[in-house]
Amino acid sequence: MEVEIAKENDNRLLRRKEIFFRLKHDGGSPSRKDAREALIKTLQCSPNLLVIDWMRSEFGKREVVGYAKVYEDEERLRKIEREHIIERNFGGGAAPE
């Protein structure tokens, strides 16, 4: 799987980086877990600080486009992110400690 960062924005007010990305893949669309692992490796950030907000497959292409956020600390992540987004990314009610 190849990761391409389309746009990166530093949001100082919310103390996070906002990233629009494109994943080029073979076979079926990657899971959110696989996409998180690829982004963590590319961005060299802590797994507890990266949240994928949304991912969409492009019809007829072997590409997925999406939007992710990398927070400065876990406390900020828990205060700002919506509960269902945290659950999708970490599988529980809150980010791991």
PDB file of N, CA and C in Angstrom:
ATOM      1  N   MET A   1       0.855  -1.174   0.000  1.00  0.00           N
ATOM      2  CA  MET A   1       0.000   0.000   0.000  1.00  0.00           C
ATOM      3  C   MET A   1       0.901   1.238   0.000  1.00  0.00           C
ATOM      4  N   GLU A   2       0.585   2.158  -0.868  1.00  0.00           N
ATOM      5  CA  GLU A   2       1.365   3.388  -1.009  1.00  0.00           C
ATOM      6  C   GLU A   2       0.553   4.564  -0.454  1.00  0.00           C
ATOM      7  N   VAL A   3       1.184   5.356   0.408  1.00  0.00           N
ATOM      8  CA  VAL A   3       0.528   6.506   1.028  1.00  0.00           C
ATOM      9  C   VAL A   3       1.015   7.781   0.369  1.00  0.00           C
ATOM     10  N   GLU A   4       0.072   8.627  -0.009  1.00  0.00           N
ATOM     11  CA  GLU A   4       0.400   9.936  -0.575  1.00  0.00           C
ATOM     12  C   GLU A   4      -0.332  10.995   0.242  1.00  0.00           C
ATOM     13  N   ILE A   5       0.409  11.953   0.771  1.00  0.00           N
ATOM     14  CA  ILE A   5      -0.196  13.049   1.530  1.00  0.00           C
ATOM     15  C   ILE A   5      -0.566  14.139   0.528  1.00  0.00           C
ATOM     16  N   ALA A   6      -1.858  14.362   0.354  1.00  0.00           N
ATOM     17  CA  ALA A   6      -2.336  15.347  -0.619  1.00  0.00           C
ATOM     18  C   ALA A   6      -2.235  16.769  -0.069  1.00  0.00           C
ATOM     19  N   LYS A   7      -2.581  16.926   1.226  1.00  0.00           N
ATOM     20  CA  LYS A   7      -2.556  18.255   1.841  1.00  0.00           C
ATOM     21  C   LYS A   7      -2.367  18.082   3.343  1.00  0.00           C
ATOM     22  N   GLU A   8      -1.551  18.945   3.927  1.00  0.00           N
ATOM     23  CA  GLU A   8      -1.324  18.907   5.375  1.00  0.00           C
ATOM     24  C   GLU A   8      -1.474  20.316   5.925  1.00  0.00           C
ATOM     25  N   ASN A   9      -2.294  20.459   6.961  1.00  0.00           N
ATOM     26  CA  ASN A   9      -2.567  21.752   7.555  1.00  0.00           C
ATOM     27  C   ASN A   9      -2.276  21.687   9.053  1.00  0.00           C
ATOM     28  N   ASP A  10      -1.600  22.670   9.588  1.00  0.00           N
ATOM     29  CA  ASP A  10      -1.316  22.730  11.015  1.00  0.00           C
ATOM     30  C   ASP A  10      -2.367  23.608  11.676  1.00  0.00           C
ATOM     31  N   ASN A  11      -3.248  23.007  12.486  1.00  0.00           N
ATOM     32  CA  ASN A  11      -4.315  23.735  13.168  1.00  0.00           C
ATOM     33  C   ASN A  11      -3.837  24.044  14.588  1.00  0.00           C
ATOM     34  N   ARG A  12      -3.325  25.232  14.797  1.00  0.00           N
ATOM     35  CA  ARG A  12      -2.754  25.604  16.091  1.00  0.00           C
ATOM     36  C   ARG A  12      -3.824  25.776  17.166  1.00  0.00           C
ATOM     37  N   LEU A  13      -4.996  26.219  16.792  1.00  0.00           N
ATOM     38  CA  LEU A  13      -6.065  26.420  17.757  1.00  0.00           C
ATOM     39  C   LEU A  13      -6.473  25.100  18.422  1.00  0.00           C
ATOM     40  N   LEU A  14      -6.622  24.057  17.621  1.00  0.00           N
ATOM     41  CA  LEU A  14      -7.011  22.752  18.159  1.00  0.00           C
ATOM     42  C   LEU A  14      -5.812  21.850  18.465  1.00  0.00           C
ATOM     43  N   ARG A  15      -4.625  22.365  18.237  1.00  0.00           N
ATOM     44  CA  ARG A  15      -3.360  21.649  18.501  1.00  0.00           C
ATOM     45  C   ARG A  15      -3.338  20.274  17.824  1.00  0.00           C
ATOM     46  N   ARG A  16      -3.496  20.313  16.491  1.00  0.00           N
ATOM     47  CA  ARG A  16      -3.448  19.086  15.715  1.00  0.00           C
ATOM     48  C   ARG A  16      -3.029  19.380  14.284  1.00  0.00           C
ATOM     49  N   LYS A  17      -2.589  18.334  13.584  1.00  0.00           N
ATOM     50  CA  LYS A  17      -2.325  18.411  12.150  1.00  0.00           C
ATOM     51  C   LYS A  17      -3.505  17.760  11.451  1.00  0.00           C
ATOM     52  N   GLU A  18      -3.965  18.384  10.394  1.00  0.00           N
ATOM     53  CA  GLU A  18      -5.074  17.857   9.603  1.00  0.00           C
ATOM     54  C   GLU A  18      -4.509  17.415   8.261  1.00  0.00           C
ATOM     55  N   ILE A  19      -4.764  16.178   7.903  1.00  0.00           N
ATOM     56  CA  ILE A  19      -4.117  15.567   6.745  1.00  0.00           C
ATOM     57  C   ILE A  19      -5.147  14.967   5.804  1.00  0.00           C
ATOM     58  N   PHE A  20      -5.063  15.357   4.537  1.00  0.00           N
ATOM     59  CA  PHE A  20      -5.840  14.713   3.490  1.00  0.00           C
ATOM     60  C   PHE A  20      -4.893  13.758   2.784  1.00  0.00           C
ATOM     61  N   PHE A  21      -5.296  12.498   2.668  1.00  0.00           N
ATOM     62  CA  PHE A  21      -4.385  11.487   2.136  1.00  0.00           C
ATOM     63  C   PHE A  21      -5.041  10.662   1.040  1.00  0.00           C
ATOM     64  N   ARG A  22      -4.174   9.955   0.304  1.00  0.00           N
ATOM     65  CA  ARG A  22      -4.609   9.037  -0.745  1.00  0.00           C
ATOM     66  C   ARG A  22      -3.813   7.757  -0.564  1.00  0.00           C
ATOM     67  N   LEU A  23      -4.511   6.625  -0.498  1.00  0.00           N
ATOM     68  CA  LEU A  23      -3.860   5.321  -0.379  1.00  0.00           C
ATOM     69  C   LEU A  23      -4.058   4.568  -1.683  1.00  0.00           C
ATOM     70  N   LYS A  24      -2.966   4.149  -2.291  1.00  0.00           N
ATOM     71  CA  LYS A  24      -3.040   3.325  -3.498  1.00  0.00           C
ATOM     72  C   LYS A  24      -2.790   1.894  -3.049  1.00  0.00           C
ATOM     73  N   HIS A  25      -3.685   0.982  -3.433  1.00  0.00           N
ATOM     74  CA  HIS A  25      -3.623  -0.382  -2.919  1.00  0.00           C
ATOM     75  C   HIS A  25      -3.894  -1.403  -4.009  1.00  0.00           C
ATOM     76  N   ASP A  26      -3.519  -2.648  -3.743  1.00  0.00           N
ATOM     77  CA  ASP A  26      -3.850  -3.781  -4.599  1.00  0.00           C
ATOM     78  C   ASP A  26      -4.924  -4.586  -3.881  1.00  0.00           C
ATOM     79  N   GLY A  27      -5.749  -5.277  -4.637  1.00  0.00           N
ATOM     80  CA  GLY A  27      -6.798  -6.082  -4.020  1.00  0.00           C
ATOM     81  C   GLY A  27      -7.944  -5.216  -3.533  1.00  0.00           C
ATOM     82  N   GLY A  28      -8.597  -5.684  -2.468  1.00  0.00           N
ATOM     83  CA  GLY A  28      -9.751  -4.966  -1.915  1.00  0.00           C
ATOM     84  C   GLY A  28      -9.346  -3.701  -1.182  1.00  0.00           C
ATOM     85  N   SER A  29     -10.339  -2.893  -0.875  1.00  0.00           N
ATOM     86  CA  SER A  29     -10.084  -1.650  -0.136  1.00  0.00           C
ATOM     87  C   SER A  29      -9.501  -1.969   1.235  1.00  0.00           C
ATOM     88  N   PRO A  30      -8.531  -1.193   1.698  1.00  0.00           N
ATOM     89  CA  PRO A  30      -7.928  -1.456   3.014  1.00  0.00           C
ATOM     90  C   PRO A  30      -8.901  -1.133   4.144  1.00  0.00           C
ATOM     91  N   SER A  31      -8.756  -1.842   5.244  1.00  0.00           N
ATOM     92  CA  SER A  31      -9.572  -1.556   6.426  1.00  0.00           C
ATOM     93  C   SER A  31      -9.058  -0.279   7.082  1.00  0.00           C
ATOM     94  N   ARG A  32      -9.831   0.251   7.991  1.00  0.00           N
ATOM     95  CA  ARG A  32      -9.410   1.446   8.729  1.00  0.00           C
ATOM     96  C   ARG A  32      -8.140   1.143   9.522  1.00  0.00           C
ATOM     97  N   LYS A  33      -8.050  -0.067  10.073  1.00  0.00           N
ATOM     98  CA  LYS A  33      -6.867  -0.470  10.841  1.00  0.00           C
ATOM     99  C   LYS A  33      -5.625  -0.474   9.952  1.00  0.00           C
ATOM    100  N   ASP A  34      -5.722  -1.058   8.760  1.00  0.00           N
ATOM    101  CA  ASP A  34      -4.588  -1.090   7.835  1.00  0.00           C
ATOM    102  C   ASP A  34      -4.189   0.312   7.388  1.00  0.00           C
ATOM    103  N   ALA A  35      -5.189   1.152   7.143  1.00  0.00           N
ATOM    104  CA  ALA A  35      -4.917   2.532   6.734  1.00  0.00           C
ATOM    105  C   ALA A  35      -4.226   3.304   7.860  1.00  0.00           C
ATOM    106  N   ARG A  36      -4.686   3.104   9.110  1.00  0.00           N
ATOM    107  CA  ARG A  36      -4.054   3.767  10.265  1.00  0.00           C
ATOM    108  C   ARG A  36      -2.598   3.356  10.383  1.00  0.00           C
ATOM    109  N   GLU A  37      -2.324   2.048  10.245  1.00  0.00           N
ATOM    110  CA  GLU A  37      -0.949   1.552  10.358  1.00  0.00           C
ATOM    111  C   GLU A  37      -0.048   2.161   9.286  1.00  0.00           C
ATOM    112  N   ALA A  38      -0.559   2.261   8.050  1.00  0.00           N
ATOM    113  CA  ALA A  38       0.225   2.851   6.962  1.00  0.00           C
ATOM    114  C   ALA A  38       0.481   4.335   7.219  1.00  0.00           C
ATOM    115  N   LEU A  39      -0.523   5.054   7.701  1.00  0.00           N
ATOM    116  CA  LEU A  39      -0.354   6.485   8.000  1.00  0.00           C
ATOM    117  C   LEU A  39       0.606   6.709   9.170  1.00  0.00           C
ATOM    118  N   ILE A  40       0.507   5.883  10.202  1.00  0.00           N
ATOM    119  CA  ILE A  40       1.391   6.006  11.364  1.00  0.00           C
ATOM    120  C   ILE A  40       2.837   5.809  10.935  1.00  0.00           C
ATOM    121  N   LYS A  41       3.062   4.825  10.068  1.00  0.00           N
ATOM    122  CA  LYS A  41       4.416   4.556   9.576  1.00  0.00           C
ATOM    123  C   LYS A  41       4.930   5.736   8.735  1.00  0.00           C
ATOM    124  N   THR A  42       4.079   6.266   7.870  1.00  0.00           N
ATOM    125  CA  THR A  42       4.480   7.375   7.002  1.00  0.00           C
ATOM    126  C   THR A  42       4.712   8.665   7.785  1.00  0.00           C
ATOM    127  N   LEU A  43       3.808   8.986   8.706  1.00  0.00           N
ATOM    128  CA  LEU A  43       3.886  10.244   9.452  1.00  0.00           C
ATOM    129  C   LEU A  43       4.798  10.160  10.675  1.00  0.00           C
ATOM    130  N   GLN A  44       5.197   8.952  11.043  1.00  0.00           N
ATOM    131  CA  GLN A  44       6.049   8.708  12.208  1.00  0.00           C
ATOM    132  C   GLN A  44       5.482   9.367  13.459  1.00  0.00           C
ATOM    133  N   CYS A  45       4.235   9.010  13.775  1.00  0.00           N
ATOM    134  CA  CYS A  45       3.572   9.554  14.956  1.00  0.00           C
ATOM    135  C   CYS A  45       3.129   8.404  15.863  1.00  0.00           C
ATOM    136  N   SER A  46       2.704   8.741  17.050  1.00  0.00           N
ATOM    137  CA  SER A  46       2.220   7.751  18.003  1.00  0.00           C
ATOM    138  C   SER A  46       0.862   7.205  17.546  1.00  0.00           C
ATOM    139  N   PRO A  47       0.638   5.892  17.683  1.00  0.00           N
ATOM    140  CA  PRO A  47      -0.656   5.317  17.298  1.00  0.00           C
ATOM    141  C   PRO A  47      -1.826   5.878  18.108  1.00  0.00           C
ATOM    142  N   ASN A  48      -1.557   6.356  19.318  1.00  0.00           N
ATOM    143  CA  ASN A  48      -2.617   6.886  20.180  1.00  0.00           C
ATOM    144  C   ASN A  48      -3.037   8.302  19.823  1.00  0.00           C
ATOM    145  N   LEU A  49      -2.327   8.941  18.893  1.00  0.00           N
ATOM    146  CA  LEU A  49      -2.611  10.333  18.563  1.00  0.00           C
ATOM    147  C   LEU A  49      -3.225  10.513  17.176  1.00  0.00           C
ATOM    148  N   LEU A  50      -3.271   9.450  16.365  1.00  0.00           N
ATOM    149  CA  LEU A  50      -3.798   9.552  15.006  1.00  0.00           C
ATOM    150  C   LEU A  50      -5.237   9.054  14.952  1.00  0.00           C
ATOM    151  N   VAL A  51      -6.100   9.850  14.331  1.00  0.00           N
ATOM    152  CA  VAL A  51      -7.512   9.501  14.161  1.00  0.00           C
ATOM    153  C   VAL A  51      -7.879   9.701  12.699  1.00  0.00           C
ATOM    154  N   ILE A  52      -8.447   8.661  12.092  1.00  0.00           N
ATOM    155  CA  ILE A  52      -8.964   8.809  10.729  1.00  0.00           C
ATOM    156  C   ILE A  52     -10.421   9.219  10.845  1.00  0.00           C
ATOM    157  N   ASP A  53     -10.751  10.372  10.294  1.00  0.00           N
ATOM    158  CA  ASP A  53     -12.113  10.892  10.358  1.00  0.00           C
ATOM    159  C   ASP A  53     -12.996  10.193   9.326  1.00  0.00           C
ATOM    160  N   TRP A  54     -12.533  10.134   8.082  1.00  0.00           N
ATOM    161  CA  TRP A  54     -13.298   9.438   7.036  1.00  0.00           C
ATOM    162  C   TRP A  54     -12.371   8.904   5.957  1.00  0.00           C
ATOM    163  N   MET A  55     -12.858   7.869   5.286  1.00  0.00           N
ATOM    164  CA  MET A  55     -12.158   7.256   4.151  1.00  0.00           C
ATOM    165  C   MET A  55     -13.208   6.891   3.106  1.00  0.00           C
ATOM    166  N   ARG A  56     -12.892   7.118   1.836  1.00  0.00           N
ATOM    167  CA  ARG A  56     -13.820   6.769   0.761  1.00  0.00           C
ATOM    168  C   ARG A  56     -13.055   6.125  -0.389  1.00  0.00           C
ATOM    169  N   SER A  57     -13.601   5.046  -0.909  1.00  0.00           N
ATOM    170  CA  SER A  57     -13.003   4.408  -2.079  1.00  0.00           C
ATOM    171  C   SER A  57     -13.430   5.170  -3.317  1.00  0.00           C
ATOM    172  N   GLU A  58     -12.525   5.279  -4.264  1.00  0.00           N
ATOM    173  CA  GLU A  58     -12.851   5.924  -5.524  1.00  0.00           C
ATOM    174  C   GLU A  58     -13.284   4.835  -6.499  1.00  0.00           C
ATOM    175  N   PHE A  59     -14.455   4.975  -7.069  1.00  0.00           N
ATOM    176  CA  PHE A  59     -15.009   3.957  -7.948  1.00  0.00           C
ATOM    177  C   PHE A  59     -14.123   3.753  -9.173  1.00  0.00           C
ATOM    178  N   GLY A  60     -13.844   2.482  -9.464  1.00  0.00           N
ATOM    179  CA  GLY A  60     -13.061   2.145 -10.641  1.00  0.00           C
ATOM    180  C   GLY A  60     -11.564   2.321 -10.484  1.00  0.00           C
ATOM    181  N   LYS A  61     -11.121   2.744  -9.312  1.00  0.00           N
ATOM    182  CA  LYS A  61      -9.691   2.948  -9.055  1.00  0.00           C
ATOM    183  C   LYS A  61      -9.292   2.108  -7.853  1.00  0.00           C
ATOM    184  N   ARG A  62      -8.051   1.833  -7.743  1.00  0.00           N
ATOM    185  CA  ARG A  62      -7.531   1.142  -6.568  1.00  0.00           C
ATOM    186  C   ARG A  62      -6.932   2.187  -5.623  1.00  0.00           C
ATOM    187  N   GLU A  63      -7.793   3.153  -5.271  1.00  0.00           N
ATOM    188  CA  GLU A  63      -7.381   4.248  -4.393  1.00  0.00           C
ATOM    189  C   GLU A  63      -8.455   4.526  -3.351  1.00  0.00           C
ATOM    190  N   VAL A  64      -8.000   4.962  -2.204  1.00  0.00           N
ATOM    191  CA  VAL A  64      -8.885   5.412  -1.136  1.00  0.00           C
ATOM    192  C   VAL A  64      -8.419   6.819  -0.769  1.00  0.00           C
ATOM    193  N   VAL A  65      -9.350   7.749  -0.663  1.00  0.00           N
ATOM    194  CA  VAL A  65      -9.023   9.093  -0.199  1.00  0.00           C
ATOM    195  C   VAL A  65      -9.611   9.257   1.197  1.00  0.00           C
ATOM    196  N   GLY A  66      -8.965  10.085   2.012  1.00  0.00           N
ATOM    197  CA  GLY A  66      -9.459  10.244   3.366  1.00  0.00           C
ATOM    198  C   GLY A  66      -8.913  11.471   4.057  1.00  0.00           C
ATOM    199  N   TYR A  67      -9.379  11.638   5.304  1.00  0.00           N
ATOM    200  CA  TYR A  67      -9.021  12.781   6.135  1.00  0.00           C
ATOM    201  C   TYR A  67      -8.651  12.251   7.519  1.00  0.00           C
ATOM    202  N   ALA A  68      -7.469  12.600   7.982  1.00  0.00           N
ATOM    203  CA  ALA A  68      -6.990  12.150   9.291  1.00  0.00           C
ATOM    204  C   ALA A  68      -6.496  13.347  10.093  1.00  0.00           C
ATOM    205  N   LYS A  69      -6.411  13.143  11.421  1.00  0.00           N
ATOM    206  CA  LYS A  69      -5.929  14.191  12.316  1.00  0.00           C
ATOM    207  C   LYS A  69      -4.904  13.589  13.274  1.00  0.00           C
ATOM    208  N   VAL A  70      -3.821  14.321  13.496  1.00  0.00           N
ATOM    209  CA  VAL A  70      -2.789  13.897  14.446  1.00  0.00           C
ATOM    210  C   VAL A  70      -2.746  14.953  15.550  1.00  0.00           C
ATOM    211  N   TYR A  71      -3.096  14.530  16.764  1.00  0.00           N
ATOM    212  CA  TYR A  71      -3.149  15.447  17.906  1.00  0.00           C
ATOM    213  C   TYR A  71      -1.810  15.518  18.617  1.00  0.00           C
ATOM    214  N   GLU A  72      -1.602  16.609  19.366  1.00  0.00           N
ATOM    215  CA  GLU A  72      -0.376  16.777  20.146  1.00  0.00           C
ATOM    216  C   GLU A  72      -0.379  15.896  21.387  1.00  0.00           C
ATOM    217  N   ASP A  73      -1.571  15.677  21.999  1.00  0.00           N
ATOM    218  CA  ASP A  73      -1.652  14.810  23.174  1.00  0.00           C
ATOM    219  C   ASP A  73      -3.020  14.128  23.237  1.00  0.00           C
ATOM    220  N   GLU A  74      -3.080  13.020  23.993  1.00  0.00           N
ATOM    221  CA  GLU A  74      -4.299  12.219  24.080  1.00  0.00           C
ATOM    222  C   GLU A  74      -5.446  12.950  24.767  1.00  0.00           C
ATOM    223  N   GLU A  75      -5.135  13.786  25.737  1.00  0.00           N
ATOM    224  CA  GLU A  75      -6.171  14.527  26.448  1.00  0.00           C
ATOM    225  C   GLU A  75      -6.947  15.426  25.483  1.00  0.00           C
ATOM    226  N   ARG A  76      -6.216  16.093  24.606  1.00  0.00           N
ATOM    227  CA  ARG A  76      -6.842  16.978  23.610  1.00  0.00           C
ATOM    228  C   ARG A  76      -7.713  16.161  22.652  1.00  0.00           C
ATOM    229  N   LEU A  77      -7.208  15.003  22.254  1.00  0.00           N
ATOM    230  CA  LEU A  77      -7.956  14.122  21.354  1.00  0.00           C
ATOM    231  C   LEU A  77      -9.301  13.761  21.975  1.00  0.00           C
ATOM    232  N   ARG A  78      -9.285  13.338  23.252  1.00  0.00           N
ATOM    233  CA  ARG A  78     -10.525  12.920  23.917  1.00  0.00           C
ATOM    234  C   ARG A  78     -11.504  14.071  24.106  1.00  0.00           C
ATOM    235  N   LYS A  79     -10.996  15.300  24.292  1.00  0.00           N
ATOM    236  CA  LYS A  79     -11.877  16.454  24.485  1.00  0.00           C
ATOM    237  C   LYS A  79     -12.568  16.875  23.186  1.00  0.00           C
ATOM    238  N   ILE A  80     -11.867  16.753  22.063  1.00  0.00           N
ATOM    239  CA  ILE A  80     -12.364  17.304  20.808  1.00  0.00           C
ATOM    240  C   ILE A  80     -13.123  16.292  19.958  1.00  0.00           C
ATOM    241  N   GLU A  81     -12.593  15.078  19.842  1.00  0.00           N
ATOM    242  CA  GLU A  81     -13.176  14.110  18.910  1.00  0.00           C
ATOM    243  C   GLU A  81     -14.536  13.604  19.362  1.00  0.00           C
ATOM    244  N   ARG A  82     -15.383  13.333  18.383  1.00  0.00           N
ATOM    245  CA  ARG A  82     -16.687  12.755  18.647  1.00  0.00           C
ATOM    246  C   ARG A  82     -16.531  11.296  19.076  1.00  0.00           C
ATOM    247  N   GLU A  83     -17.417  10.844  19.925  1.00  0.00           N
ATOM    248  CA  GLU A  83     -17.324   9.514  20.526  1.00  0.00           C
ATOM    249  C   GLU A  83     -17.290   8.398  19.481  1.00  0.00           C
ATOM    250  N   HIS A  84     -18.120   8.505  18.448  1.00  0.00           N
ATOM    251  CA  HIS A  84     -18.158   7.423  17.450  1.00  0.00           C
ATOM    252  C   HIS A  84     -16.877   7.362  16.619  1.00  0.00           C
ATOM    253  N   ILE A  85     -16.204   8.480  16.428  1.00  0.00           N
ATOM    254  CA  ILE A  85     -14.931   8.488  15.704  1.00  0.00           C
ATOM    255  C   ILE A  85     -13.847   7.815  16.552  1.00  0.00           C
ATOM    256  N   ILE A  86     -13.831   8.097  17.845  1.00  0.00           N
ATOM    257  CA  ILE A  86     -12.872   7.447  18.741  1.00  0.00           C
ATOM    258  C   ILE A  86     -13.111   5.940  18.750  1.00  0.00           C
ATOM    259  N   GLU A  87     -14.375   5.541  18.813  1.00  0.00           N
ATOM    260  CA  GLU A  87     -14.707   4.110  18.829  1.00  0.00           C
ATOM    261  C   GLU A  87     -14.292   3.429  17.525  1.00  0.00           C
ATOM    262  N   ARG A  88     -14.490   4.078  16.390  1.00  0.00           N
ATOM    263  CA  ARG A  88     -14.089   3.503  15.101  1.00  0.00           C
ATOM    264  C   ARG A  88     -12.587   3.293  15.010  1.00  0.00           C
ATOM    265  N   ASN A  89     -11.819   4.221  15.555  1.00  0.00           N
ATOM    266  CA  ASN A  89     -10.372   4.172  15.449  1.00  0.00           C
ATOM    267  C   ASN A  89      -9.702   3.300  16.501  1.00  0.00           C
ATOM    268  N   PHE A  90     -10.246   3.272  17.716  1.00  0.00           N
ATOM    269  CA  PHE A  90      -9.596   2.560  18.804  1.00  0.00           C
ATOM    270  C   PHE A  90     -10.392   1.351  19.281  1.00  0.00           C
ATOM    271  N   GLY A  91     -11.612   1.178  18.795  1.00  0.00           N
ATOM    272  CA  GLY A  91     -12.409   0.008  19.139  1.00  0.00           C
ATOM    273  C   GLY A  91     -13.038   0.034  20.520  1.00  0.00           C
ATOM    274  N   GLY A  92     -12.894   1.109  21.254  1.00  0.00           N
ATOM    275  CA  GLY A  92     -13.480   1.212  22.588  1.00  0.00           C
ATOM    276  C   GLY A  92     -14.111   2.557  22.785  1.00  0.00           C
ATOM    277  N   GLY A  93     -14.483   2.863  24.012  1.00  0.00           N
ATOM    278  CA  GLY A  93     -15.131   4.125  24.313  1.00  0.00           C
ATOM    279  C   GLY A  93     -14.180   5.305  24.400  1.00  0.00           C
ATOM    280  N   ALA A  94     -12.891   5.031  24.561  1.00  0.00           N
ATOM    281  CA  ALA A  94     -11.924   6.118  24.687  1.00  0.00           C
ATOM    282  C   ALA A  94     -10.593   5.688  24.115  1.00  0.00           C
ATOM    283  N   ALA A  95      -9.763   6.652  23.839  1.00  0.00           N
ATOM    284  CA  ALA A  95      -8.416   6.364  23.332  1.00  0.00           C
ATOM    285  C   ALA A  95      -7.634   5.627  24.397  1.00  0.00           C
ATOM    286  N   PRO A  96      -6.797   4.682  24.007  1.00  0.00           N
ATOM    287  CA  PRO A  96      -6.013   3.935  25.003  1.00  0.00           C
ATOM    288  C   PRO A  96      -5.058   4.858  25.743  1.00  0.00           C
ATOM    289  N   GLU A  97      -4.788   4.521  26.985  1.00  0.00           N
ATOM    290  CA  GLU A  97      -3.905   5.350  27.810  1.00  0.00           C
ATOM    291  C   GLU A  97      -2.487   4.851  27.763  1.00  0.00           C
TER     292      GLU A  97
END
